[in-house]
Amino acid sequence: MSAASRPEPSPAERARSVLAAAGSLTVTTRGRRIELIGLHTVDAAARLLLHNPPDGHLAAEPAPASHGDLTALVEFTDIAPVAVRERVRARLTLGGRLTALGPKALVFSPARAVLTEDDGTTVIGLDELTLASPDPLATHEAEMLARLDAAHADTVAPLVRLLPAREQLGATGVRPLRLDRHGLVLRLEKPDAHHDVRLPFATAATHPGEAVRQIHALLAAATSRPRRGRLPTRS
Protein backbone atom coordinates (compact mmCIF):
# COMPACT_ATOMS: atom_id res chain seq x y z
CA MET A 1 0.00 0.00 0.00
CA SER A 2 1.47 3.36 -1.01
CA ALA A 3 1.82 6.20 1.49
CA ALA A 4 -0.74 8.25 -0.44
CA SER A 5 -3.38 5.51 -0.23
CA ARG A 6 -2.95 4.67 3.45
CA PRO A 7 -6.15 5.61 5.32
CA GLU A 8 -5.92 8.07 8.17
CA PRO A 9 -8.32 10.33 10.08
CA SER A 10 -9.57 13.47 8.36
CA PRO A 11 -8.64 16.89 9.82
CA ALA A 12 -12.16 17.17 11.32
CA GLU A 13 -11.81 13.76 12.93
CA ARG A 14 -8.39 14.65 14.30
CA ALA A 15 -9.85 17.86 15.71
CA ARG A 16 -12.65 15.93 17.42
CA SER A 17 -10.09 13.50 18.82
CA VAL A 18 -8.10 16.38 20.30
CA LEU A 19 -11.30 17.66 21.91
CA ALA A 20 -12.16 14.23 23.29
CA ALA A 21 -8.74 13.55 24.81
CA ALA A 22 -7.73 17.02 26.03
CA GLY A 23 -7.53 17.60 29.76
CA SER A 24 -6.91 21.34 29.54
CA LEU A 25 -7.60 24.36 27.35
CA THR A 26 -7.04 28.10 27.20
CA VAL A 27 -9.87 30.61 26.74
CA THR A 28 -9.15 34.11 25.40
CA THR A 29 -11.77 36.88 25.73
CA ARG A 30 -11.23 40.65 25.58
CA GLY A 31 -7.49 40.06 25.73
CA ARG A 32 -7.74 37.96 28.90
CA ARG A 33 -6.38 34.40 28.81
CA ILE A 34 -7.71 31.85 31.28
CA GLU A 35 -6.40 28.28 31.50
CA LEU A 36 -8.83 25.56 32.52
CA ILE A 37 -7.52 22.19 33.67
CA GLY A 38 -10.06 19.40 34.04
CA LEU A 39 -12.94 21.89 33.85
CA HIS A 40 -14.59 21.14 30.51
CA THR A 41 -16.74 18.55 28.78
CA VAL A 42 -17.68 18.19 25.09
CA ASP A 43 -21.11 17.29 23.73
CA ALA A 44 -22.03 15.57 20.45
CA ALA A 45 -22.23 18.91 18.61
CA ALA A 46 -18.68 19.87 19.67
CA ARG A 47 -20.02 22.46 22.13
CA LEU A 48 -17.92 22.86 25.25
CA LEU A 49 -19.35 23.13 28.72
CA LEU A 50 -16.82 25.20 30.69
CA HIS A 51 -16.93 25.10 34.47
CA ASN A 52 -15.98 28.24 36.33
CA PRO A 53 -12.53 28.05 37.99
CA PRO A 54 -12.17 28.90 41.70
CA ASP A 55 -11.31 32.57 40.98
CA GLY A 56 -14.70 33.01 39.29
CA HIS A 57 -13.40 35.22 36.46
CA LEU A 58 -14.67 33.11 33.57
CA ALA A 59 -18.39 33.15 34.42
CA ALA A 60 -18.28 36.93 34.81
CA GLU A 61 -16.98 37.49 31.28
CA PRO A 62 -20.25 37.37 29.26
CA ALA A 63 -22.19 39.60 31.66
CA PRO A 64 -21.35 42.98 30.04
CA ALA A 65 -21.67 41.61 26.49
CA SER A 66 -24.77 42.20 24.39
CA HIS A 67 -27.35 39.41 24.57
CA GLY A 68 -25.30 37.80 27.33
CA ASP A 69 -22.77 36.11 25.06
CA LEU A 70 -19.23 36.89 24.03
CA THR A 71 -16.84 36.15 21.18
CA ALA A 72 -13.97 33.95 22.34
CA LEU A 73 -11.09 31.75 21.22
CA VAL A 74 -10.50 28.37 22.81
CA GLU A 75 -7.12 26.70 22.26
CA PHE A 76 -5.98 23.11 22.76
CA THR A 77 -2.48 21.66 22.49
CA ASP A 78 -2.08 17.99 21.62
CA ILE A 79 1.16 16.69 23.16
CA ALA A 80 2.69 13.27 22.50
CA PRO A 81 2.49 11.12 25.65
CA VAL A 82 5.98 9.68 25.09
CA ALA A 83 9.41 11.34 25.14
CA VAL A 84 10.04 12.48 21.58
CA ARG A 85 11.67 15.55 20.13
CA GLU A 86 9.10 18.30 19.46
CA ARG A 87 6.29 16.72 21.44
CA VAL A 88 3.53 19.05 20.21
CA ARG A 89 1.62 17.01 17.63
CA ALA A 90 -1.13 19.52 16.90
CA ARG A 91 -2.70 22.79 17.98
CA LEU A 92 -6.45 23.28 17.72
CA THR A 93 -8.01 26.76 17.89
CA LEU A 94 -11.79 27.16 18.03
CA GLY A 95 -13.55 30.46 17.34
CA GLY A 96 -17.07 30.95 18.66
CA ARG A 97 -19.23 32.42 21.38
CA LEU A 98 -19.47 32.00 25.15
CA THR A 99 -22.90 32.01 26.77
CA ALA A 100 -23.54 31.92 30.52
CA LEU A 101 -25.20 28.78 31.84
CA GLY A 102 -26.02 29.63 35.43
CA PRO A 103 -23.51 31.16 37.85
CA LYS A 104 -20.90 28.42 37.62
CA ALA A 105 -20.65 27.41 33.97
CA LEU A 106 -20.64 28.62 30.37
CA VAL A 107 -21.34 27.04 27.01
CA PHE A 108 -18.87 27.65 24.20
CA SER A 109 -20.45 27.16 20.76
CA PRO A 110 -17.77 26.92 18.06
CA ALA A 111 -18.23 28.47 14.63
CA ARG A 112 -15.03 27.15 13.08
CA ALA A 113 -11.81 25.35 13.94
CA VAL A 114 -8.20 25.71 12.82
CA LEU A 115 -6.00 22.64 13.13
CA THR A 116 -2.24 23.14 12.85
CA GLU A 117 0.05 20.14 12.43
CA ASP A 118 3.53 19.51 11.05
CA ASP A 119 2.20 19.25 7.50
CA GLY A 120 0.22 22.51 7.57
CA THR A 121 -2.90 24.29 8.77
CA THR A 122 -6.49 23.31 7.98
CA VAL A 123 -9.60 25.44 8.51
CA ILE A 124 -12.55 23.26 9.55
CA GLY A 125 -16.11 24.51 9.22
CA LEU A 126 -18.82 24.03 11.83
CA ASP A 127 -20.67 21.41 9.77
CA GLU A 128 -17.50 19.34 9.32
CA LEU A 129 -16.68 19.59 13.01
CA THR A 130 -20.20 18.64 14.10
CA LEU A 131 -20.53 15.69 11.73
CA ALA A 132 -17.11 14.23 12.54
CA SER A 133 -16.63 11.78 15.40
CA PRO A 134 -13.57 11.39 17.62
CA ASP A 135 -11.41 8.38 16.93
CA PRO A 136 -12.53 5.38 19.02
CA LEU A 137 -9.01 5.15 20.48
CA ALA A 138 -8.69 8.87 21.31
CA THR A 139 -9.27 8.62 25.06
CA HIS A 140 -7.16 5.45 25.34
CA GLU A 141 -4.27 6.48 23.09
CA ALA A 142 -1.99 8.03 25.73
CA GLU A 143 -2.05 4.93 27.95
CA MET A 144 -1.65 2.55 25.00
CA LEU A 145 1.31 4.45 23.57
CA ALA A 146 2.98 4.62 26.99
CA ARG A 147 2.65 0.84 27.33
CA LEU A 148 4.08 0.30 23.87
CA ASP A 149 7.01 2.56 24.65
CA ALA A 150 7.66 0.84 27.99
CA ALA A 151 8.04 -2.47 26.16
CA HIS A 152 10.06 -0.77 23.43
CA ALA A 153 12.58 -3.53 22.67
CA ASP A 154 9.83 -6.14 22.25
CA THR A 155 7.22 -4.03 20.48
CA VAL A 156 8.37 -0.82 18.81
CA ALA A 157 11.90 -1.74 17.71
CA PRO A 158 10.87 -4.84 15.71
CA LEU A 159 8.23 -2.85 13.81
CA VAL A 160 10.98 -0.96 12.02
CA ARG A 161 11.52 -4.08 9.89
CA LEU A 162 8.22 -3.28 8.15
CA LEU A 163 9.67 -0.04 6.78
CA PRO A 164 11.61 0.29 3.53
CA ALA A 165 15.37 0.58 3.99
CA ARG A 166 15.29 4.18 2.72
CA GLU A 167 12.98 5.17 5.62
CA GLN A 168 15.51 3.86 8.14
CA LEU A 169 18.54 5.54 6.56
CA GLY A 170 20.35 7.64 9.16
CA ALA A 171 17.82 7.00 11.92
CA THR A 172 19.23 6.67 15.44
CA GLY A 173 16.03 5.92 17.34
CA VAL A 174 12.34 5.17 16.99
CA ARG A 175 9.32 6.05 19.14
CA PRO A 176 5.57 5.39 18.92
CA LEU A 177 4.06 8.81 18.19
CA ARG A 178 0.37 8.35 17.40
CA LEU A 179 -2.26 5.63 17.47
CA ASP A 180 -5.67 5.74 15.83
CA ARG A 181 -8.15 3.27 14.38
CA HIS A 182 -6.26 3.19 11.06
CA GLY A 183 -2.82 2.36 12.41
CA LEU A 184 0.29 3.28 14.37
CA VAL A 185 2.60 6.19 13.56
CA LEU A 186 6.28 5.82 14.41
CA ARG A 187 8.72 8.69 14.72
CA LEU A 188 12.18 7.94 13.37
CA GLU A 189 14.73 10.28 14.90
CA LYS A 190 18.05 11.38 13.47
CA PRO A 191 20.67 13.46 15.29
CA ASP A 192 19.20 16.76 14.07
CA ALA A 193 15.86 15.85 12.46
CA HIS A 194 13.01 13.36 12.44
CA HIS A 195 10.26 12.02 10.22
CA ASP A 196 7.04 10.15 10.91
CA VAL A 197 5.89 6.95 9.23
CA ARG A 198 2.46 5.30 9.42
CA LEU A 199 2.06 1.54 9.75
CA PRO A 200 -1.52 0.86 8.64
CA PHE A 201 -3.78 -1.78 10.21
CA ALA A 202 -5.28 -4.40 7.92
CA THR A 203 -8.76 -3.15 8.96
CA ALA A 204 -9.84 -0.19 11.02
CA ALA A 205 -10.02 -0.86 14.77
CA THR A 206 -13.30 -0.03 16.48
CA HIS A 207 -12.09 -0.36 20.09
CA PRO A 208 -8.80 -0.65 22.03
CA GLY A 209 -8.84 -4.46 22.20
CA GLU A 210 -9.07 -4.68 18.44
CA ALA A 211 -6.21 -2.20 18.08
CA VAL A 212 -4.06 -4.40 20.33
CA ARG A 213 -4.78 -7.39 18.10
CA GLN A 214 -3.84 -5.36 15.03
CA ILE A 215 -0.55 -4.30 16.65
CA HIS A 216 0.18 -7.96 17.41
CA ALA A 217 -0.47 -8.75 13.74
CA LEU A 218 2.02 -6.05 12.71
CA LEU A 219 4.56 -7.50 15.15
CA ALA A 220 4.05 -10.98 13.74
CA ALA A 221 4.63 -9.67 10.22
CA ALA A 222 7.71 -7.73 11.37
CA THR A 223 9.39 -10.61 13.22
CA SER A 224 8.93 -12.89 10.23
CA ARG A 225 11.15 -10.61 8.16
CA PRO A 226 14.96 -10.67 8.21
CA ARG A 227 16.61 -7.88 10.17
CA ARG A 228 18.34 -5.36 7.86
CA GLY A 229 20.01 -3.42 10.61
CA ARG A 230 19.37 -2.39 14.15
CA LEU A 231 18.27 0.88 15.64
CA PRO A 232 19.10 1.63 19.26
CA THR A 233 16.39 0.36 21.61
CA ARG A 234 16.21 3.86 23.05
CA SER A 235 16.91 7.17 21.35
C-alpha atoms as a PDB file:
ATOM      1  CA  MET A   1       0.000   0.000   0.000  1.00  0.00           C
ATOM      2  CA  SER A   2       1.472   3.361  -1.011  1.00  0.00           C
ATOM      3  CA  ALA A   3       1.817   6.199   1.487  1.00  0.00           C
ATOM      4  CA  ALA A   4      -0.736   8.250  -0.441  1.00  0.00           C
ATOM      5  CA  SER A   5      -3.384   5.507  -0.227  1.00  0.00           C
ATOM      6  CA  ARG A   6      -2.953   4.669   3.454  1.00  0.00           C
ATOM      7  CA  PRO A   7      -6.149   5.609   5.318  1.00  0.00           C
ATOM      8  CA  GLU A   8      -5.916   8.071   8.166  1.00  0.00           C
ATOM      9  CA  PRO A   9      -8.320  10.326  10.076  1.00  0.00           C
ATOM     10  CA  SER A  10      -9.570  13.471   8.360  1.00  0.00           C
ATOM     11  CA  PRO A  11      -8.639  16.886   9.822  1.00  0.00           C
ATOM     12  CA  ALA A  12     -12.155  17.173  11.316  1.00  0.00           C
ATOM     13  CA  GLU A  13     -11.814  13.755  12.932  1.00  0.00           C
ATOM     14  CA  ARG A  14      -8.394  14.653  14.298  1.00  0.00           C
ATOM     15  CA  ALA A  15      -9.850  17.860  15.711  1.00  0.00           C
ATOM     16  CA  ARG A  16     -12.652  15.930  17.420  1.00  0.00           C
ATOM     17  CA  SER A  17     -10.091  13.496  18.818  1.00  0.00           C
ATOM     18  CA  VAL A  18      -8.099  16.384  20.297  1.00  0.00           C
ATOM     19  CA  LEU A  19     -11.301  17.660  21.909  1.00  0.00           C
ATOM     20  CA  ALA A  20     -12.162  14.226  23.290  1.00  0.00           C
ATOM     21  CA  ALA A  21      -8.742  13.551  24.808  1.00  0.00           C
ATOM     22  CA  ALA A  22      -7.734  17.023  26.028  1.00  0.00           C
ATOM     23  CA  GLY A  23      -7.528  17.596  29.761  1.00  0.00           C
ATOM     24  CA  SER A  24      -6.908  21.341  29.544  1.00  0.00           C
ATOM     25  CA  LEU A  25      -7.597  24.356  27.349  1.00  0.00           C
ATOM     26  CA  THR A  26      -7.039  28.103  27.196  1.00  0.00           C
ATOM     27  CA  VAL A  27      -9.874  30.607  26.744  1.00  0.00           C
ATOM     28  CA  THR A  28      -9.154  34.106  25.399  1.00  0.00           C
ATOM     29  CA  THR A  29     -11.772  36.877  25.728  1.00  0.00           C
ATOM     30  CA  ARG A  30     -11.225  40.654  25.577  1.00  0.00           C
ATOM     31  CA  GLY A  31      -7.494  40.060  25.725  1.00  0.00           C
ATOM     32  CA  ARG A  32      -7.744  37.961  28.900  1.00  0.00           C
ATOM     33  CA  ARG A  33      -6.380  34.402  28.814  1.00  0.00           C
ATOM     34  CA  ILE A  34      -7.706  31.849  31.285  1.00  0.00           C
ATOM     35  CA  GLU A  35      -6.399  28.281  31.496  1.00  0.00           C
ATOM     36  CA  LEU A  36      -8.828  25.562  32.524  1.00  0.00           C
ATOM     37  CA  ILE A  37      -7.516  22.189  33.666  1.00  0.00           C
ATOM     38  CA  GLY A  38     -10.057  19.401  34.038  1.00  0.00           C
ATOM     39  CA  LEU A  39     -12.936  21.887  33.849  1.00  0.00           C
ATOM     40  CA  HIS A  40     -14.589  21.143  30.515  1.00  0.00           C
ATOM     41  CA  THR A  41     -16.735  18.553  28.781  1.00  0.00           C
ATOM     42  CA  VAL A  42     -17.682  18.190  25.092  1.00  0.00           C
ATOM     43  CA  ASP A  43     -21.114  17.288  23.725  1.00  0.00           C
ATOM     44  CA  ALA A  44     -22.029  15.575  20.450  1.00  0.00           C
ATOM     45  CA  ALA A  45     -22.234  18.913  18.606  1.00  0.00           C
ATOM     46  CA  ALA A  46     -18.679  19.869  19.674  1.00  0.00           C
ATOM     47  CA  ARG A  47     -20.019  22.456  22.126  1.00  0.00           C
ATOM     48  CA  LEU A  48     -17.922  22.860  25.254  1.00  0.00           C
ATOM     49  CA  LEU A  49     -19.354  23.127  28.725  1.00  0.00           C
ATOM     50  CA  LEU A  50     -16.822  25.198  30.686  1.00  0.00           C
ATOM     51  CA  HIS A  51     -16.934  25.102  34.468  1.00  0.00           C
ATOM     52  CA  ASN A  52     -15.976  28.240  36.334  1.00  0.00           C
ATOM     53  CA  PRO A  53     -12.531  28.047  37.988  1.00  0.00           C
ATOM     54  CA  PRO A  54     -12.167  28.899  41.695  1.00  0.00           C
ATOM     55  CA  ASP A  55     -11.305  32.570  40.985  1.00  0.00           C
ATOM     56  CA  GLY A  56     -14.697  33.007  39.294  1.00  0.00           C
ATOM     57  CA  HIS A  57     -13.397  35.217  36.458  1.00  0.00           C
ATOM     58  CA  LEU A  58     -14.671  33.106  33.571  1.00  0.00           C
ATOM     59  CA  ALA A  59     -18.389  33.151  34.423  1.00  0.00           C
ATOM     60  CA  ALA A  60     -18.281  36.929  34.813  1.00  0.00           C
ATOM     61  CA  GLU A  61     -16.976  37.487  31.284  1.00  0.00           C
ATOM     62  CA  PRO A  62     -20.253  37.373  29.262  1.00  0.00           C
ATOM     63  CA  ALA A  63     -22.185  39.598  31.660  1.00  0.00           C
ATOM     64  CA  PRO A  64     -21.354  42.982  30.036  1.00  0.00           C
ATOM     65  CA  ALA A  65     -21.673  41.607  26.487  1.00  0.00           C
ATOM     66  CA  SER A  66     -24.766  42.203  24.388  1.00  0.00           C
ATOM     67  CA  HIS A  67     -27.355  39.412  24.575  1.00  0.00           C
ATOM     68  CA  GLY A  68     -25.300  37.798  27.331  1.00  0.00           C
ATOM     69  CA  ASP A  69     -22.766  36.106  25.057  1.00  0.00           C
ATOM     70  CA  LEU A  70     -19.227  36.889  24.034  1.00  0.00           C
ATOM     71  CA  THR A  71     -16.842  36.149  21.175  1.00  0.00           C
ATOM     72  CA  ALA A  72     -13.965  33.953  22.344  1.00  0.00           C
ATOM     73  CA  LEU A  73     -11.089  31.754  21.221  1.00  0.00           C
ATOM     74  CA  VAL A  74     -10.497  28.370  22.806  1.00  0.00           C
ATOM     75  CA  GLU A  75      -7.124  26.696  22.262  1.00  0.00           C
ATOM     76  CA  PHE A  76      -5.978  23.112  22.765  1.00  0.00           C
ATOM     77  CA  THR A  77      -2.476  21.659  22.488  1.00  0.00           C
ATOM     78  CA  ASP A  78      -2.080  17.986  21.619  1.00  0.00           C
ATOM     79  CA  ILE A  79       1.161  16.691  23.156  1.00  0.00           C
ATOM     80  CA  ALA A  80       2.685  13.273  22.502  1.00  0.00           C
ATOM     81  CA  PRO A  81       2.492  11.118  25.645  1.00  0.00           C
ATOM     82  CA  VAL A  82       5.984   9.682  25.087  1.00  0.00           C
ATOM     83  CA  ALA A  83       9.407  11.344  25.138  1.00  0.00           C
ATOM     84  CA  VAL A  84      10.035  12.481  21.579  1.00  0.00           C
ATOM     85  CA  ARG A  85      11.673  15.545  20.132  1.00  0.00           C
ATOM     86  CA  GLU A  86       9.102  18.304  19.457  1.00  0.00           C
ATOM     87  CA  ARG A  87       6.287  16.718  21.441  1.00  0.00           C
ATOM     88  CA  VAL A  88       3.527  19.046  20.212  1.00  0.00           C
ATOM     89  CA  ARG A  89       1.625  17.006  17.634  1.00  0.00           C
ATOM     90  CA  ALA A  90      -1.133  19.523  16.900  1.00  0.00           C
ATOM     91  CA  ARG A  91      -2.695  22.793  17.979  1.00  0.00           C
ATOM     92  CA  LEU A  92      -6.450  23.283  17.721  1.00  0.00           C
ATOM     93  CA  THR A  93      -8.012  26.758  17.893  1.00  0.00           C
ATOM     94  CA  LEU A  94     -11.792  27.163  18.026  1.00  0.00           C
ATOM     95  CA  GLY A  95     -13.549  30.455  17.338  1.00  0.00           C
ATOM     96  CA  GLY A  96     -17.067  30.950  18.660  1.00  0.00           C
ATOM     97  CA  ARG A  97     -19.227  32.422  21.384  1.00  0.00           C
ATOM     98  CA  LEU A  98     -19.473  32.004  25.149  1.00  0.00           C
ATOM     99  CA  THR A  99     -22.905  32.012  26.771  1.00  0.00           C
ATOM    100  CA  ALA A 100     -23.536  31.915  30.515  1.00  0.00           C
ATOM    101  CA  LEU A 101     -25.202  28.776  31.842  1.00  0.00           C
ATOM    102  CA  GLY A 102     -26.024  29.633  35.429  1.00  0.00           C
ATOM    103  CA  PRO A 103     -23.511  31.156  37.851  1.00  0.00           C
ATOM    104  CA  LYS A 104     -20.896  28.418  37.616  1.00  0.00           C
ATOM    105  CA  ALA A 105     -20.651  27.413  33.969  1.00  0.00           C
ATOM    106  CA  LEU A 106     -20.645  28.618  30.369  1.00  0.00           C
ATOM    107  CA  VAL A 107     -21.339  27.039  27.009  1.00  0.00           C
ATOM    108  CA  PHE A 108     -18.869  27.652  24.200  1.00  0.00           C
ATOM    109  CA  SER A 109     -20.454  27.156  20.763  1.00  0.00           C
ATOM    110  CA  PRO A 110     -17.766  26.924  18.062  1.00  0.00           C
ATOM    111  CA  ALA A 111     -18.227  28.469  14.629  1.00  0.00           C
ATOM    112  CA  ARG A 112     -15.027  27.154  13.082  1.00  0.00           C
ATOM    113  CA  ALA A 113     -11.808  25.355  13.942  1.00  0.00           C
ATOM    114  CA  VAL A 114      -8.202  25.713  12.818  1.00  0.00           C
ATOM    115  CA  LEU A 115      -6.000  22.636  13.134  1.00  0.00           C
ATOM    116  CA  THR A 116      -2.238  23.138  12.854  1.00  0.00           C
ATOM    117  CA  GLU A 117       0.046  20.137  12.429  1.00  0.00           C
ATOM    118  CA  ASP A 118       3.530  19.510  11.045  1.00  0.00           C
ATOM    119  CA  ASP A 119       2.198  19.249   7.495  1.00  0.00           C
ATOM    120  CA  GLY A 120       0.225  22.508   7.567  1.00  0.00           C
ATOM    121  CA  THR A 121      -2.901  24.291   8.769  1.00  0.00           C
ATOM    122  CA  THR A 122      -6.493  23.314   7.980  1.00  0.00           C
ATOM    123  CA  VAL A 123      -9.597  25.443   8.505  1.00  0.00           C
ATOM    124  CA  ILE A 124     -12.546  23.261   9.548  1.00  0.00           C
ATOM    125  CA  GLY A 125     -16.106  24.512   9.222  1.00  0.00           C
ATOM    126  CA  LEU A 126     -18.815  24.026  11.830  1.00  0.00           C
ATOM    127  CA  ASP A 127     -20.671  21.413   9.770  1.00  0.00           C
ATOM    128  CA  GLU A 128     -17.505  19.336   9.317  1.00  0.00           C
ATOM    129  CA  LEU A 129     -16.675  19.587  13.008  1.00  0.00           C
ATOM    130  CA  THR A 130     -20.199  18.641  14.099  1.00  0.00           C
ATOM    131  CA  LEU A 131     -20.530  15.690  11.727  1.00  0.00           C
ATOM    132  CA  ALA A 132     -17.112  14.229  12.543  1.00  0.00           C
ATOM    133  CA  SER A 133     -16.628  11.778  15.401  1.00  0.00           C
ATOM    134  CA  PRO A 134     -13.572  11.393  17.621  1.00  0.00           C
ATOM    135  CA  ASP A 135     -11.412   8.380  16.925  1.00  0.00           C
ATOM    136  CA  PRO A 136     -12.530   5.376  19.024  1.00  0.00           C
ATOM    137  CA  LEU A 137      -9.008   5.148  20.478  1.00  0.00           C
ATOM    138  CA  ALA A 138      -8.688   8.868  21.306  1.00  0.00           C
ATOM    139  CA  THR A 139      -9.269   8.622  25.058  1.00  0.00           C
ATOM    140  CA  HIS A 140      -7.156   5.452  25.340  1.00  0.00           C
ATOM    141  CA  GLU A 141      -4.273   6.480  23.093  1.00  0.00           C
ATOM    142  CA  ALA A 142      -1.988   8.027  25.726  1.00  0.00           C
ATOM    143  CA  GLU A 143      -2.055   4.930  27.946  1.00  0.00           C
ATOM    144  CA  MET A 144      -1.653   2.546  25.004  1.00  0.00           C
ATOM    145  CA  LEU A 145       1.314   4.453  23.567  1.00  0.00           C
ATOM    146  CA  ALA A 146       2.976   4.619  26.992  1.00  0.00           C
ATOM    147  CA  ARG A 147       2.649   0.839  27.334  1.00  0.00           C
ATOM    148  CA  LEU A 148       4.080   0.296  23.869  1.00  0.00           C
ATOM    149  CA  ASP A 149       7.014   2.558  24.651  1.00  0.00           C
ATOM    150  CA  ALA A 150       7.658   0.844  27.995  1.00  0.00           C
ATOM    151  CA  ALA A 151       8.043  -2.474  26.158  1.00  0.00           C
ATOM    152  CA  HIS A 152      10.062  -0.775  23.427  1.00  0.00           C
ATOM    153  CA  ALA A 153      12.577  -3.529  22.665  1.00  0.00           C
ATOM    154  CA  ASP A 154       9.833  -6.138  22.254  1.00  0.00           C
ATOM    155  CA  THR A 155       7.215  -4.025  20.478  1.00  0.00           C
ATOM    156  CA  VAL A 156       8.365  -0.817  18.815  1.00  0.00           C
ATOM    157  CA  ALA A 157      11.899  -1.738  17.708  1.00  0.00           C
ATOM    158  CA  PRO A 158      10.872  -4.844  15.712  1.00  0.00           C
ATOM    159  CA  LEU A 159       8.225  -2.854  13.815  1.00  0.00           C
ATOM    160  CA  VAL A 160      10.980  -0.965  12.017  1.00  0.00           C
ATOM    161  CA  ARG A 161      11.517  -4.084   9.892  1.00  0.00           C
ATOM    162  CA  LEU A 162       8.223  -3.283   8.147  1.00  0.00           C
ATOM    163  CA  LEU A 163       9.669  -0.042   6.784  1.00  0.00           C
ATOM    164  CA  PRO A 164      11.606   0.285   3.528  1.00  0.00           C
ATOM    165  CA  ALA A 165      15.369   0.581   3.989  1.00  0.00           C
ATOM    166  CA  ARG A 166      15.286   4.185   2.720  1.00  0.00           C
ATOM    167  CA  GLU A 167      12.984   5.166   5.623  1.00  0.00           C
ATOM    168  CA  GLN A 168      15.509   3.857   8.136  1.00  0.00           C
ATOM    169  CA  LEU A 169      18.540   5.539   6.564  1.00  0.00           C
ATOM    170  CA  GLY A 170      20.351   7.643   9.159  1.00  0.00           C
ATOM    171  CA  ALA A 171      17.821   6.996  11.922  1.00  0.00           C
ATOM    172  CA  THR A 172      19.234   6.668  15.437  1.00  0.00           C
ATOM    173  CA  GLY A 173      16.032   5.919  17.338  1.00  0.00           C
ATOM    174  CA  VAL A 174      12.338   5.165  16.989  1.00  0.00           C
ATOM    175  CA  ARG A 175       9.318   6.047  19.141  1.00  0.00           C
ATOM    176  CA  PRO A 176       5.569   5.392  18.923  1.00  0.00           C
ATOM    177  CA  LEU A 177       4.065   8.810  18.191  1.00  0.00           C
ATOM    178  CA  ARG A 178       0.373   8.348  17.400  1.00  0.00           C
ATOM    179  CA  LEU A 179      -2.258   5.628  17.471  1.00  0.00           C
ATOM    180  CA  ASP A 180      -5.674   5.737  15.834  1.00  0.00           C
ATOM    181  CA  ARG A 181      -8.146   3.271  14.378  1.00  0.00           C
ATOM    182  CA  HIS A 182      -6.260   3.191  11.061  1.00  0.00           C
ATOM    183  CA  GLY A 183      -2.817   2.362  12.410  1.00  0.00           C
ATOM    184  CA  LEU A 184       0.286   3.276  14.368  1.00  0.00           C
ATOM    185  CA  VAL A 185       2.603   6.193  13.565  1.00  0.00           C
ATOM    186  CA  LEU A 186       6.280   5.823  14.412  1.00  0.00           C
ATOM    187  CA  ARG A 187       8.724   8.691  14.719  1.00  0.00           C
ATOM    188  CA  LEU A 188      12.184   7.939  13.368  1.00  0.00           C
ATOM    189  CA  GLU A 189      14.732  10.282  14.901  1.00  0.00           C
ATOM    190  CA  LYS A 190      18.052  11.383  13.474  1.00  0.00           C
ATOM    191  CA  PRO A 191      20.671  13.463  15.295  1.00  0.00           C
ATOM    192  CA  ASP A 192      19.198  16.760  14.071  1.00  0.00           C
ATOM    193  CA  ALA A 193      15.862  15.846  12.456  1.00  0.00           C
ATOM    194  CA  HIS A 194      13.007  13.361  12.442  1.00  0.00           C
ATOM    195  CA  HIS A 195      10.263  12.018  10.218  1.00  0.00           C
ATOM    196  CA  ASP A 196       7.041  10.148  10.910  1.00  0.00           C
ATOM    197  CA  VAL A 197       5.888   6.950   9.226  1.00  0.00           C
ATOM    198  CA  ARG A 198       2.460   5.299   9.419  1.00  0.00           C
ATOM    199  CA  LEU A 199       2.064   1.539   9.749  1.00  0.00           C
ATOM    200  CA  PRO A 200      -1.523   0.856   8.644  1.00  0.00           C
ATOM    201  CA  PHE A 201      -3.779  -1.777  10.208  1.00  0.00           C
ATOM    202  CA  ALA A 202      -5.285  -4.403   7.917  1.00  0.00           C
ATOM    203  CA  THR A 203      -8.760  -3.155   8.957  1.00  0.00           C
ATOM    204  CA  ALA A 204      -9.837  -0.187  11.023  1.00  0.00           C
ATOM    205  CA  ALA A 205     -10.022  -0.862  14.770  1.00  0.00           C
ATOM    206  CA  THR A 206     -13.300  -0.033  16.481  1.00  0.00           C
ATOM    207  CA  HIS A 207     -12.088  -0.356  20.088  1.00  0.00           C
ATOM    208  CA  PRO A 208      -8.799  -0.649  22.030  1.00  0.00           C
ATOM    209  CA  GLY A 209      -8.843  -4.461  22.196  1.00  0.00           C
ATOM    210  CA  GLU A 210      -9.074  -4.678  18.437  1.00  0.00           C
ATOM    211  CA  ALA A 211      -6.207  -2.199  18.076  1.00  0.00           C
ATOM    212  CA  VAL A 212      -4.056  -4.395  20.329  1.00  0.00           C
ATOM    213  CA  ARG A 213      -4.781  -7.388  18.103  1.00  0.00           C
ATOM    214  CA  GLN A 214      -3.843  -5.356  15.031  1.00  0.00           C
ATOM    215  CA  ILE A 215      -0.547  -4.303  16.650  1.00  0.00           C
ATOM    216  CA  HIS A 216       0.180  -7.959  17.414  1.00  0.00           C
ATOM    217  CA  ALA A 217      -0.472  -8.749  13.740  1.00  0.00           C
ATOM    218  CA  LEU A 218       2.017  -6.047  12.713  1.00  0.00           C
ATOM    219  CA  LEU A 219       4.563  -7.496  15.155  1.00  0.00           C
ATOM    220  CA  ALA A 220       4.055 -10.983  13.744  1.00  0.00           C
ATOM    221  CA  ALA A 221       4.626  -9.667  10.223  1.00  0.00           C
ATOM    222  CA  ALA A 222       7.708  -7.733  11.368  1.00  0.00           C
ATOM    223  CA  THR A 223       9.390 -10.605  13.219  1.00  0.00           C
ATOM    224  CA  SER A 224       8.929 -12.890  10.234  1.00  0.00           C
ATOM    225  CA  ARG A 225      11.148 -10.606   8.162  1.00  0.00           C
ATOM    226  CA  PRO A 226      14.961 -10.674   8.209  1.00  0.00           C
ATOM    227  CA  ARG A 227      16.612  -7.880  10.169  1.00  0.00           C
ATOM    228  CA  ARG A 228      18.339  -5.359   7.862  1.00  0.00           C
ATOM    229  CA  GLY A 229      20.008  -3.419  10.615  1.00  0.00           C
ATOM    230  CA  ARG A 230      19.375  -2.391  14.145  1.00  0.00           C
ATOM    231  CA  LEU A 231      18.268   0.882  15.637  1.00  0.00           C
ATOM    232  CA  PRO A 232      19.099   1.631  19.264  1.00  0.00           C
ATOM    233  CA  THR A 233      16.388   0.360  21.606  1.00  0.00           C
ATOM    234  CA  ARG A 234      16.205   3.856  23.053  1.00  0.00           C
ATOM    235  CA  SER A 235      16.909   7.171  21.350  1.00  0.00           C
END
